[in-house]
Protein backbone atom coordinates (compact mmCIF):
# COMPACT_ATOMS: atom_id res chain seq x y z
CA MET A 1 44.06 -36.77 138.65
CA ARG A 2 41.06 -38.73 139.91
CA PHE A 3 42.92 -41.99 139.40
CA THR A 4 45.98 -40.63 141.18
CA ASN A 5 43.82 -39.48 144.08
CA PHE A 6 42.22 -42.93 144.23
CA ILE A 7 45.63 -44.59 144.44
CA LEU A 8 46.72 -42.12 147.13
CA TYR A 9 43.59 -42.87 149.13
CA ARG A 10 44.06 -46.65 148.89
CA SER A 11 47.77 -46.42 149.82
CA ILE A 12 47.16 -44.16 152.82
CA GLN A 13 44.34 -46.46 153.92
CA SER A 14 46.68 -49.47 153.70
CA LEU A 15 49.41 -47.66 155.64
CA LEU A 16 47.07 -46.65 158.46
CA PHE A 17 45.57 -50.14 158.65
CA ASN A 18 48.98 -51.79 158.99
CA MET A 19 50.12 -49.29 161.60
CA MET A 20 46.98 -49.78 163.69
CA ARG A 21 47.23 -53.55 163.39
CA GLY A 22 50.79 -53.44 164.71
CA ILE A 23 49.86 -51.11 167.57
CA ARG A 24 46.87 -53.19 168.73
CA ARG A 25 49.06 -56.19 169.44
CA GLY A 26 50.28 -54.57 172.64
CA THR A 27 48.37 -54.80 175.89
CA SER A 28 49.45 -51.49 177.39
CA ARG A 29 50.52 -48.06 176.19
CA THR A 30 54.17 -48.89 176.89
CA ASP A 31 53.91 -52.16 174.99
CA ARG A 32 52.18 -50.45 172.08
CA PHE A 33 54.88 -47.78 171.91
CA LYS A 34 57.63 -50.40 171.98
CA LEU A 35 55.94 -52.40 169.24
CA LEU A 36 55.55 -49.27 167.12
CA LEU A 37 59.25 -48.43 167.53
CA ARG A 38 60.33 -52.00 166.87
CA GLY A 39 58.29 -52.36 163.70
CA ARG A 40 59.23 -48.92 162.37
CA LEU A 41 62.86 -48.79 163.55
CA TRP A 42 64.34 -48.61 160.05
CA PHE A 43 61.85 -45.93 159.11
CA PHE A 44 63.11 -43.68 161.89
CA ILE A 45 66.72 -44.56 161.03
CA ALA A 46 66.08 -43.58 157.40
CA MET A 47 64.50 -40.29 158.48
CA LEU A 48 67.46 -39.53 160.76
CA VAL A 49 69.91 -40.33 157.96
CA GLY A 50 67.98 -38.02 155.65
CA ALA A 51 67.86 -35.20 158.21
CA PHE A 52 71.58 -35.57 158.92
CA LEU A 53 72.52 -35.46 155.22
CA LEU A 54 70.27 -32.48 154.53
CA ASN A 55 72.05 -30.52 157.25
CA LEU A 56 75.47 -31.12 155.71
CA GLN A 57 77.00 -28.63 153.32
CA THR A 58 76.07 -29.22 149.69
CA PRO A 59 79.01 -30.92 147.91
CA GLU A 60 80.89 -28.95 145.28
CA GLY A 61 79.61 -29.29 141.73
CA ILE A 62 75.99 -30.07 142.52
CA THR A 63 73.02 -27.76 143.06
CA ASP A 64 71.06 -27.64 146.31
CA ALA A 65 68.06 -29.20 144.55
CA GLY A 66 70.23 -31.94 143.07
CA TYR A 67 71.70 -32.76 146.47
CA ARG A 68 68.24 -32.97 148.01
CA VAL A 69 67.18 -35.39 145.28
CA LEU A 70 70.19 -37.58 146.09
CA VAL A 71 69.27 -37.53 149.78
CA MET A 72 65.71 -38.52 148.89
CA SER A 73 67.08 -41.38 146.78
CA ILE A 74 69.27 -42.62 149.65
CA VAL A 75 66.35 -42.55 152.08
CA ALA A 76 64.09 -44.27 149.54
CA THR A 77 66.72 -46.99 148.96
CA ILE A 78 66.96 -47.69 152.70
CA LEU A 79 63.19 -48.00 152.88
CA PHE A 80 63.04 -50.19 149.76
CA VAL A 81 65.54 -52.63 151.23
CA THR A 82 64.31 -52.75 154.85
CA GLU A 83 60.53 -52.28 154.21
CA PRO A 84 59.60 -50.89 157.66
CA ILE A 85 56.50 -49.38 156.03
CA PRO A 86 54.49 -50.56 153.01
CA LEU A 87 56.30 -49.78 149.77
CA PRO A 88 53.38 -47.66 148.47
CA ALA A 89 53.96 -45.46 151.52
CA VAL A 90 57.55 -44.95 150.29
CA ALA A 91 56.05 -43.76 147.02
CA LEU A 92 53.94 -41.26 148.94
CA LEU A 93 57.06 -40.00 150.73
CA ILE A 94 58.80 -39.50 147.39
CA MET A 95 55.87 -37.45 146.12
CA VAL A 96 55.58 -35.37 149.29
CA GLY A 97 59.36 -34.87 149.34
CA GLN A 98 59.34 -33.44 145.82
CA VAL A 99 56.82 -30.81 146.89
CA LEU A 100 58.29 -29.94 150.31
CA LEU A 101 62.03 -30.29 149.64
CA LEU A 102 62.26 -29.33 145.98
CA GLY A 103 59.39 -26.87 145.77
CA THR A 104 57.87 -28.73 142.81
CA ASN A 105 54.25 -27.93 142.04
CA SER A 106 52.01 -30.82 143.12
CA ASN A 107 50.26 -30.83 139.73
CA ASP A 108 53.64 -31.30 138.02
CA VAL A 109 54.45 -34.20 140.36
CA ALA A 110 51.13 -35.86 139.54
CA LYS A 111 51.74 -35.44 135.80
CA SER A 112 55.22 -36.98 136.04
CA ILE A 113 53.74 -40.09 137.69
CA MET A 114 51.09 -40.87 135.07
CA SER A 115 53.29 -41.66 132.05
CA ASP A 116 52.66 -44.24 129.33
CA SER A 117 55.06 -46.58 131.14
CA VAL A 118 52.90 -46.49 134.26
CA LEU A 119 49.72 -47.00 132.21
CA PHE A 120 51.43 -49.99 130.62
CA ILE A 121 52.25 -51.47 134.03
CA MET A 122 48.69 -50.87 135.20
CA GLY A 123 47.21 -52.46 132.09
CA SER A 124 49.53 -55.47 132.33
CA LEU A 125 48.49 -56.12 135.93
CA MET A 126 44.83 -55.90 134.95
CA LEU A 127 45.41 -58.35 132.09
CA ALA A 128 47.14 -60.71 134.50
CA VAL A 129 44.11 -60.80 136.78
CA ALA A 130 41.82 -61.55 133.86
CA ILE A 131 44.02 -64.40 132.61
CA VAL A 132 44.51 -66.03 136.03
CA LYS A 133 40.73 -65.83 136.59
CA GLN A 134 40.17 -68.46 133.88
CA ASN A 135 41.93 -71.26 135.89
CA LEU A 136 43.92 -72.75 133.03
CA ASP A 137 46.66 -74.27 135.22
CA LYS A 138 45.83 -77.98 134.83
CA ARG A 139 45.32 -77.58 131.09
CA ILE A 140 48.71 -75.87 130.81
CA ALA A 141 50.33 -78.73 132.79
CA PHE A 142 48.82 -81.35 130.50
CA PHE A 143 49.76 -79.33 127.41
CA ILE A 144 53.39 -79.24 128.58
CA VAL A 145 53.43 -82.99 129.19
CA LYS A 146 51.98 -83.66 125.74
CA LEU A 147 54.83 -81.65 124.23
CA THR A 148 57.67 -83.05 126.35
CA GLY A 149 56.64 -86.55 127.35
CA THR A 150 56.65 -87.85 130.92
CA LYS A 151 60.42 -87.81 131.58
CA THR A 152 61.12 -85.44 134.50
CA SER A 153 64.08 -83.63 132.93
CA HIS A 154 62.07 -83.00 129.75
CA ILE A 155 59.11 -81.69 131.76
CA CYS A 156 61.42 -79.26 133.59
CA VAL A 157 62.67 -77.95 130.25
CA GLY A 158 59.09 -77.64 129.01
CA ILE A 159 58.06 -75.70 132.13
CA SER A 160 61.01 -73.32 131.67
CA VAL A 161 60.16 -72.75 128.00
CA ILE A 162 56.42 -72.25 128.56
CA SER A 163 57.03 -70.05 131.61
CA GLY A 164 59.55 -68.04 129.65
CA LEU A 165 57.39 -67.55 126.58
CA MET A 166 54.43 -66.41 128.68
CA ALA A 167 56.56 -64.24 130.97
CA SER A 168 57.99 -62.46 127.96
CA VAL A 169 54.61 -60.87 127.31
CA VAL A 170 52.59 -60.73 130.54
CA GLY A 171 55.21 -60.28 133.28
CA GLU A 172 57.04 -62.77 135.47
CA HIS A 173 54.89 -62.35 138.60
CA THR A 174 51.77 -63.22 136.63
CA VAL A 175 53.27 -66.31 135.02
CA ALA A 176 54.80 -67.50 138.29
CA ALA A 177 51.38 -67.23 139.92
CA MET A 178 49.82 -69.18 137.02
CA MET A 179 52.53 -71.85 136.81
CA LEU A 180 52.97 -72.51 140.54
CA PRO A 181 49.72 -74.53 140.70
CA VAL A 182 50.94 -76.44 137.62
CA ALA A 183 54.15 -77.52 139.37
CA LEU A 184 52.39 -78.22 142.66
CA THR A 185 49.86 -80.38 140.83
CA LEU A 186 52.65 -82.52 139.38
CA ILE A 187 54.50 -82.67 142.71
CA LYS A 188 51.50 -83.62 144.83
CA LEU A 189 50.24 -86.17 142.31
CA THR A 190 53.69 -87.79 142.52
CA ASN A 191 54.01 -87.92 146.33
CA ASP A 192 52.22 -86.13 149.17
CA ASP A 193 55.31 -86.21 151.43
CA PRO A 194 57.47 -83.11 150.77
CA LYS A 195 60.59 -84.90 152.07
CA GLN A 196 60.22 -87.57 149.39
CA VAL A 197 60.10 -85.05 146.52
CA SER A 198 62.41 -82.23 147.68
CA GLN A 199 64.75 -82.49 144.66
CA LEU A 200 61.86 -82.90 142.24
CA ALA A 201 60.12 -79.88 143.73
CA ALA A 202 63.31 -77.79 143.51
CA ALA A 203 63.83 -78.72 139.85
CA LEU A 204 60.24 -77.90 138.88
CA LEU A 205 59.91 -74.71 140.96
CA PHE A 206 63.24 -73.23 139.89
CA SER A 207 62.29 -74.02 136.29
CA ILE A 208 59.37 -71.65 136.81
CA ALA A 209 61.24 -68.93 138.73
CA TYR A 210 64.33 -68.78 136.54
CA GLY A 211 62.40 -69.37 133.33
CA CYS A 212 60.35 -66.29 134.19
CA ALA A 213 63.41 -64.29 135.23
CA VAL A 214 65.42 -64.86 132.06
CA ALA A 215 62.32 -64.19 129.94
CA SER A 216 61.55 -60.88 131.60
CA ILE A 217 64.23 -59.18 129.50
CA SER A 218 62.93 -60.35 126.13
CA THR A 219 60.12 -57.84 125.46
CA PRO A 220 58.94 -54.51 126.91
CA SER A 221 55.97 -56.29 128.49
CA GLY A 222 58.23 -58.80 130.24
CA GLY A 223 58.77 -56.55 133.22
CA ALA A 224 58.14 -53.08 134.58
CA ARG A 225 61.87 -52.29 134.50
CA ASN A 226 61.79 -52.50 130.68
CA ALA A 227 58.99 -49.96 130.43
CA ILE A 228 60.82 -47.74 132.91
CA MET A 229 63.99 -47.78 130.81
CA ILE A 230 62.03 -47.03 127.63
CA GLY A 231 60.49 -44.08 129.44
CA PHE A 232 63.92 -42.81 130.53
CA TRP A 233 65.28 -42.99 126.99
CA HIS A 234 62.33 -40.94 125.78
CA ASP A 235 62.45 -38.37 128.60
CA PHE A 236 66.25 -37.94 128.65
CA PHE A 237 67.24 -38.02 124.98
CA TYR A 238 64.29 -37.70 122.60
CA ASP A 239 63.63 -34.34 120.93
CA ALA A 240 60.91 -34.17 118.26
CA SER A 241 62.80 -31.36 116.49
CA LYS A 242 65.94 -33.50 116.09
CA PRO A 243 65.54 -36.52 113.76
CA GLU A 244 68.77 -38.07 115.06
CA THR A 245 67.11 -38.63 118.44
CA TYR A 246 64.28 -40.76 116.99
CA LYS A 247 66.34 -43.86 117.77
CA TYR A 248 65.51 -43.28 121.45
CA LEU A 249 61.84 -44.00 120.71
CA VAL A 250 62.38 -47.70 121.33
CA ASP A 251 59.34 -49.70 120.25
CA TYR A 252 58.25 -53.28 120.95
CA VAL A 253 59.93 -54.82 117.90
CA SER A 254 63.24 -53.02 118.43
CA TRP A 255 63.49 -54.31 122.00
CA ILE A 256 62.75 -57.86 120.81
CA LEU A 257 65.52 -57.70 118.19
CA TYR A 258 68.09 -56.76 120.83
CA CYS A 259 66.98 -58.93 123.74
CA PHE A 260 64.91 -61.93 122.62
CA PRO A 261 67.89 -63.92 121.25
CA MET A 262 69.62 -63.58 124.62
CA PHE A 263 66.52 -64.91 126.35
CA LEU A 264 66.61 -68.02 124.12
CA MET A 265 70.27 -68.59 124.95
CA GLN A 266 69.60 -68.14 128.65
CA LEU A 267 66.81 -70.71 128.52
CA VAL A 268 69.27 -73.33 127.26
CA VAL A 269 71.83 -72.42 129.92
CA THR A 270 69.19 -72.34 132.67
CA SER A 271 67.95 -75.84 131.82
CA PHE A 272 71.53 -77.13 131.82
CA ILE A 273 72.34 -75.56 135.20
CA LEU A 274 69.15 -76.81 136.87
CA ASN A 275 69.66 -80.31 135.48
CA ARG A 276 73.17 -80.35 136.97
CA SER A 277 72.17 -78.80 140.30
CA PHE A 278 69.24 -81.06 141.28
CA THR A 279 68.65 -84.81 141.01
CA PRO A 280 64.88 -85.48 141.13
CA GLU A 281 63.78 -88.54 143.10
CA TYR A 282 61.47 -89.56 140.24
CA LYS A 283 62.91 -89.79 136.75
CA ASN A 284 59.48 -90.28 135.22
CA LEU A 285 56.08 -88.85 136.18
CA ASN A 286 53.84 -91.42 134.50
CA ARG A 287 51.53 -92.03 137.45
CA SER A 288 50.97 -88.34 138.22
CA ILE A 289 50.14 -87.69 134.56
CA VAL A 290 47.48 -90.41 134.62
CA LYS A 291 45.86 -88.75 137.65
CA LEU A 292 46.04 -85.37 135.91
CA ARG A 293 44.29 -86.78 132.83
CA ILE A 294 41.45 -88.06 135.00
CA GLN A 295 41.00 -84.65 136.66
CA LEU A 296 40.89 -82.91 133.28
CA ALA A 297 38.29 -85.37 132.02
CA GLU A 298 36.10 -84.45 134.98
CA GLN A 299 36.63 -80.73 134.28
CA GLY A 300 35.43 -81.04 130.68
CA ARG A 301 36.52 -79.39 127.46
CA MET A 302 37.63 -75.80 127.06
CA GLY A 303 34.71 -73.39 126.91
CA VAL A 304 33.99 -70.14 125.11
CA GLY A 305 35.54 -68.15 127.95
CA ASP A 306 38.85 -70.03 127.67
CA TRP A 307 39.10 -69.47 123.92
CA SER A 308 38.03 -65.83 124.27
CA THR A 309 40.80 -65.29 126.82
CA ILE A 310 43.38 -66.70 124.43
CA ALA A 311 42.03 -64.57 121.56
CA ILE A 312 42.15 -61.32 123.57
CA PHE A 313 45.64 -62.11 124.78
CA CYS A 314 46.94 -62.77 121.26
CA THR A 315 45.24 -59.62 119.94
CA THR A 316 46.83 -57.52 122.67
CA LEU A 317 50.23 -59.00 121.87
CA TYR A 318 49.68 -58.18 118.18
CA GLY A 319 48.82 -54.61 119.15
CA TRP A 320 52.00 -54.26 121.19
CA ILE A 321 54.08 -55.48 118.28
CA MET A 322 52.42 -53.47 115.51
CA TYR A 323 51.10 -50.26 117.10
CA SER A 324 53.06 -49.55 120.30
CA ASP A 325 55.12 -46.85 118.57
CA THR A 326 51.99 -44.93 117.52
CA ILE A 327 49.41 -45.26 120.32
CA GLY A 328 51.66 -46.43 123.16
CA LEU A 329 52.14 -49.65 125.09
CA GLY A 330 49.92 -48.42 127.91
CA THR A 331 46.92 -47.68 125.72
CA ILE A 332 47.07 -51.12 124.12
CA ALA A 333 47.30 -52.84 127.52
CA LEU A 334 44.26 -50.90 128.70
CA MET A 335 42.35 -51.85 125.54
CA GLY A 336 43.02 -55.52 126.26
CA SER A 337 41.81 -55.10 129.84
CA LEU A 338 38.67 -53.35 128.58
CA ALA A 339 37.95 -56.27 126.25
CA PHE A 340 37.91 -58.68 129.21
CA LEU A 341 35.54 -56.38 131.09
CA VAL A 342 33.22 -55.72 128.17
CA LEU A 343 32.88 -59.44 127.38
CA GLY A 344 32.22 -60.23 131.03
CA LEU A 345 35.23 -62.57 131.34
CA VAL A 346 36.29 -60.74 134.48
CA LYS A 347 34.46 -58.46 136.87
CA TRP A 348 35.72 -55.08 137.97
CA GLU A 349 35.50 -56.32 141.55
CA ASP A 350 38.09 -58.99 140.67
CA ILE A 351 40.44 -56.43 139.14
CA ASN A 352 39.90 -53.94 141.93
CA THR A 353 40.65 -56.60 144.55
CA ASN A 354 43.56 -58.42 142.90
CA VAL A 355 45.49 -55.64 141.15
CA ASN A 356 48.17 -54.25 143.43
CA TRP A 357 47.45 -50.57 142.92
CA GLY A 358 50.26 -49.71 145.31
CA VAL A 359 52.77 -51.22 142.88
CA ILE A 360 51.55 -48.86 140.18
CA LEU A 361 52.00 -45.91 142.51
CA LEU A 362 55.44 -47.17 143.50
CA TYR A 363 56.71 -47.36 139.94
CA GLY A 364 55.18 -44.00 139.08
CA ALA A 365 56.86 -42.31 142.04
CA ALA A 366 60.19 -44.00 141.28
CA ILE A 367 60.06 -42.81 137.65
CA SER A 368 59.17 -39.32 138.84
CA LEU A 369 62.17 -39.29 141.18
CA GLY A 370 64.40 -40.47 138.34
CA ILE A 371 63.24 -37.55 136.20
CA GLN A 372 64.05 -35.18 139.07
CA MET A 373 67.55 -36.68 139.27
CA LYS A 374 68.00 -35.86 135.62
CA ASP A 375 66.44 -32.37 135.70
CA THR A 376 68.35 -31.20 138.79
CA GLY A 377 71.70 -32.48 137.53
CA ALA A 378 72.02 -35.01 140.37
CA ALA A 379 72.33 -37.97 137.99
CA THR A 380 75.10 -36.25 136.01
CA TRP A 381 77.03 -35.35 139.18
CA LEU A 382 76.77 -38.90 140.54
CA ALA A 383 77.68 -40.37 137.16
CA ASN A 384 80.85 -38.25 137.04
CA ASP A 385 81.84 -39.39 140.52
CA LEU A 386 81.31 -43.04 139.61
CA ILE A 387 83.32 -42.61 136.42
CA ASN A 388 86.19 -41.07 138.41
CA LEU A 389 86.04 -43.97 140.85
CA LEU A 390 86.03 -46.56 138.08
CA SER A 391 88.87 -44.82 136.28
CA THR A 392 91.15 -45.57 139.22
CA VAL A 393 90.80 -49.29 138.42
CA GLY A 394 90.71 -48.85 134.63
CA ALA A 395 86.99 -49.58 134.29
CA ASP A 396 85.79 -46.24 132.96
CA SER A 397 85.10 -47.24 129.35
CA GLY A 398 84.35 -50.14 127.05
CA PRO A 399 83.64 -53.70 128.24
CA SER A 400 85.13 -53.05 131.69
CA LEU A 401 82.58 -50.26 132.23
CA TRP A 402 79.77 -52.48 130.94
CA LEU A 403 80.78 -55.19 133.40
CA ALA A 404 80.98 -52.71 136.29
CA VAL A 405 77.46 -51.41 135.52
CA SER A 406 76.13 -54.95 135.24
CA VAL A 407 77.67 -56.03 138.55
CA LEU A 408 76.40 -52.89 140.31
CA THR A 409 72.87 -53.46 139.00
CA THR A 410 72.98 -57.16 139.94
CA VAL A 411 73.97 -56.35 143.51
CA VAL A 412 71.23 -53.73 143.87
CA THR A 413 68.49 -55.83 142.24
CA ASN A 414 69.10 -58.70 144.68
CA THR A 415 68.17 -56.38 147.56
CA MET A 416 65.08 -54.64 146.13
CA SER A 417 62.57 -55.06 143.30
CA ASN A 418 64.10 -54.96 139.83
CA GLY A 419 61.78 -52.13 138.81
CA ALA A 420 62.94 -50.02 141.73
CA ALA A 421 66.57 -50.88 140.94
CA VAL A 422 66.22 -49.61 137.36
CA ALA A 423 64.32 -46.53 138.50
CA MET A 424 67.18 -45.67 140.86
CA LEU A 425 70.17 -46.66 138.71
CA GLY A 426 68.82 -45.84 135.23
CA PRO A 427 69.35 -42.06 135.41
CA VAL A 428 72.87 -42.61 136.74
CA THR A 429 74.02 -45.19 134.20
CA LEU A 430 72.48 -43.25 131.30
CA ASN A 431 74.35 -40.12 132.36
CA MET A 432 77.53 -42.17 132.75
CA SER A 433 77.15 -43.14 129.09
CA VAL A 434 76.98 -39.46 128.11
CA VAL A 435 80.05 -38.58 130.18
CA VAL A 436 82.27 -41.31 128.71
CA GLY A 437 80.80 -41.24 125.19
CA GLU A 438 79.10 -44.65 125.32
CA SER A 439 75.74 -45.28 123.69
CA PRO A 440 72.86 -44.53 126.10
CA LEU A 441 70.94 -47.34 124.41
CA LEU A 442 73.68 -49.85 125.15
CA MET A 443 74.05 -48.75 128.77
CA GLY A 444 70.29 -48.77 129.18
CA TYR A 445 69.96 -52.31 127.87
CA ILE A 446 72.77 -53.49 130.14
CA THR A 447 71.11 -51.89 133.17
CA ALA A 448 67.63 -53.24 132.38
CA ILE A 449 68.85 -56.76 131.56
CA SER A 450 71.15 -56.97 134.60
CA SER A 451 68.21 -56.09 136.83
CA SER A 452 66.80 -59.53 135.98
CA PHE A 453 69.81 -61.30 137.51
CA ALA A 454 68.13 -61.44 140.94
CA TYR A 455 68.73 -65.16 141.37
CA LEU A 456 70.39 -65.11 144.79
CA THR A 457 67.64 -64.13 147.20
CA VAL A 458 64.02 -64.96 147.86
CA VAL A 459 63.04 -61.29 147.54
CA GLY A 460 65.05 -60.67 144.38
CA THR A 461 62.14 -61.14 142.00
CA PRO A 462 58.39 -61.71 142.42
CA ALA A 463 58.80 -65.11 140.73
CA CYS A 464 61.34 -66.25 143.34
CA THR A 465 59.11 -65.05 146.17
CA ILE A 466 56.09 -66.85 144.70
CA VAL A 467 57.79 -70.25 144.29
CA TYR A 468 59.38 -69.95 147.74
CA SER A 469 55.90 -69.47 149.20
CA SER A 470 55.12 -73.09 148.20
CA GLY A 471 57.04 -74.33 151.25
CA TYR A 472 59.18 -76.77 149.24
CA LEU A 473 62.27 -74.53 148.99
CA LYS A 474 64.82 -73.14 151.45
CA ALA A 475 66.55 -69.77 151.18
CA SER A 476 69.88 -71.60 150.84
CA ASP A 477 68.59 -73.30 147.67
CA PHE A 478 68.63 -69.94 145.91
CA LEU A 479 72.31 -69.40 146.75
CA ARG A 480 73.13 -72.97 145.76
CA VAL A 481 72.05 -72.47 142.17
CA GLY A 482 71.81 -68.67 141.95
CA TRP A 483 75.53 -67.94 141.75
CA LYS A 484 75.82 -70.17 138.69
CA MET A 485 72.95 -68.28 137.07
CA VAL A 486 74.53 -64.89 137.83
CA ILE A 487 77.89 -65.84 136.30
CA SER A 488 76.38 -67.42 133.19
CA SER A 489 73.89 -64.58 132.62
CA THR A 490 76.53 -61.86 133.07
CA THR A 491 78.86 -63.67 130.66
CA LEU A 492 76.12 -63.96 128.05
CA LEU A 493 75.25 -60.28 128.44
CA MET A 494 78.85 -59.22 127.84
CA LEU A 495 79.07 -61.45 124.76
CA PHE A 496 75.87 -60.02 123.30
CA ALA A 497 76.96 -56.44 124.03
CA TYR A 498 80.33 -57.00 122.37
CA PHE A 499 79.44 -59.20 119.40
CA TYR A 500 75.68 -59.17 118.65
CA TRP A 501 74.43 -55.66 119.36
CA PRO A 502 77.04 -53.95 117.10
CA LEU A 503 75.59 -56.00 114.21
CA LEU A 504 72.29 -54.17 114.82
CA GLY A 505 73.99 -50.79 114.72
CA LEU A 506 74.34 -50.18 118.45
């Protein structure tokens, strides 16, 4: 409860600060009021939509509480997409709405937020801060070049592979933040004029962004949406008194068996697509590598702190693989974070400043809302309606249903964070699987994996946003190559669902 209160305090503080900053820009009361309305227009629209829907008659077949949860989800989706207020403030609205509109006890709301999935997300973000703090970017760049050679196309493949392997265990936003300086180092050492290296920059930066994106599906620690789906499987289907439901306790190794091979296939396809989409101005980066070697010589050899960081990271990964099913992913992530703090490799001030606590609150609130959708019957009612709609076009079962779910998730995840997309769609798609007799595990994997297909927009994934912030890319570049990635990834997913997963008993 103390931690939850701390997050609430920080989120409210951030909301008030941003509101006051927007208001102060005006020079008169009228100007201030206009600025407030302009900046918060979609917030008021969302509130009006919610008020209007709440005053309509409850549709047949759904409870009053279930309908209110659906209205809350619609309002939250509008706010997720338009962002008129900080996203942590949306989380606060979800929590307040559960108490005021559903009559849920505030203690129960708080308990539903602090699940192992949320602890896992929190621990992963803390680990990310500790790793980035060690400034290993130039060493990573030189390590990649030693593996691949100086040919540009080979370096791009190496960046995709390294980014992917790291993103599969520490999260794509962390790896993108670590690898961006690596790519920028190579770009700037090649030519200081952005116009002279636009194609080179695109090839290197998209190798990071898409390498991270395709890797985020491979392990539970690859992205928050994976932990969210694991939490939904546990909350919706697991019953300790029924041995047949133990399969819904998906552990680290089980997820890897289903998803890691697809990540490897996607890496190959991603490298092929990027190589065909961009023609770098420099086919070889010999001169920039020489400059990089000189800078590393001045920096000196790796110290105790660097090796300790690697050791803690590998130990944490081992814990996730071997013990996540007994003590939980979240506990292991927190143990790794504690190791960094105890050994003095990172200060609490660094973690407190650089961890986005609002993101933790956001995911917790979204998971809590998803549980309410399940408990009130809203997810089942919506799932039935979607099934009826899909049945009119013959897509209510089998591969056609899988494809429909994948396309729906892809569309949604390109307009909001992938974690939020899974939190909103997960309860619906899992209940659809129950209605039509499909495996909830299969539908869950399809939903979680499809949420990584956010290749089309700058805001689709944190990795895309981070590489775009470099200034070397245009929004149109994402569309130019993103549609190829969407088609290839969706095709691979359908092939794995139809041919590979049945071999594992799904």
